[in-house]
């Protein structure tokens, strides 16, 4: 019985590590999407701001 519990524990721990890697992968993907959207939205505004500043100088 002790061997069965040990094997079950090993199997569950291995699955938990795999799930953690998947969760980290999803978090990295979501962060990348947020960064891309922020750069796309703010990039145009910053470019306009710098062009206006350069023209006024």
Protein backbone atom coordinates (compact mmCIF):
# COMPACT_ATOMS: atom_id res chain seq x y z
CA UNK A 1 0.00 0.00 0.00
CA UNK A 2 2.88 2.36 0.80
CA UNK A 3 4.34 1.85 -2.70
CA UNK A 4 0.96 2.64 -4.27
CA UNK A 5 0.66 5.90 -2.33
CA UNK A 6 4.24 6.85 -3.22
CA UNK A 7 3.62 6.17 -6.92
CA UNK A 8 0.35 8.13 -6.82
CA UNK A 9 2.11 11.06 -5.16
CA UNK A 10 4.90 11.01 -7.76
CA UNK A 11 2.34 10.97 -10.58
CA UNK A 12 0.38 13.88 -9.12
CA UNK A 13 3.49 15.98 -8.50
CA UNK A 14 4.67 15.39 -12.08
CA UNK A 15 1.29 16.53 -13.43
CA UNK A 16 1.34 19.59 -11.22
CA UNK A 17 4.73 20.67 -12.57
CA UNK A 18 3.44 20.28 -16.13
CA UNK A 19 0.39 22.38 -15.36
CA UNK A 20 2.61 25.05 -13.84
CA UNK A 21 4.67 25.26 -17.03
CA UNK A 22 1.51 25.65 -19.09
CA UNK A 23 0.26 28.37 -16.78
CA UNK A 24 3.54 30.25 -17.05
CA UNK A 25 3.36 29.95 -20.82
CA UNK A 26 -0.14 31.42 -20.86
CA UNK A 27 0.92 34.28 -18.60
CA UNK A 28 3.88 35.11 -20.84
CA UNK A 29 1.64 35.04 -23.92
CA UNK A 30 -0.91 37.37 -22.30
CA UNK A 31 1.79 39.78 -21.14
CA UNK A 32 3.24 39.83 -24.67
CA UNK A 33 -0.18 40.62 -26.13
CA UNK A 34 -0.68 43.48 -23.66
CA UNK A 35 2.75 44.91 -24.50
CA UNK A 36 2.09 44.71 -28.24
CA UNK A 37 -1.28 46.45 -27.88
CA UNK A 38 0.18 49.16 -25.63
CA UNK A 39 3.04 49.85 -28.04
CA UNK A 40 0.65 49.96 -31.00
CA UNK A 41 -1.69 52.41 -29.26
CA UNK A 42 0.91 54.62 -27.60
CA UNK A 43 3.44 54.50 -30.43
CA UNK A 44 1.34 56.66 -32.73
CA UNK A 45 0.59 59.17 -29.98
CA UNK A 46 4.24 59.44 -28.98
CA UNK A 47 5.34 59.83 -32.57
CA UNK A 48 2.87 62.70 -33.03
CA UNK A 49 4.02 64.31 -29.80
CA UNK A 50 7.70 64.14 -30.77
CA UNK A 51 6.98 65.48 -34.27
CA UNK A 52 5.01 68.42 -32.85
CA UNK A 53 7.82 69.16 -30.40
CA UNK A 54 10.45 68.95 -33.16
CA UNK A 55 8.43 71.26 -35.41
CA UNK A 56 7.93 73.84 -32.69
CA UNK A 57 11.66 73.89 -31.91
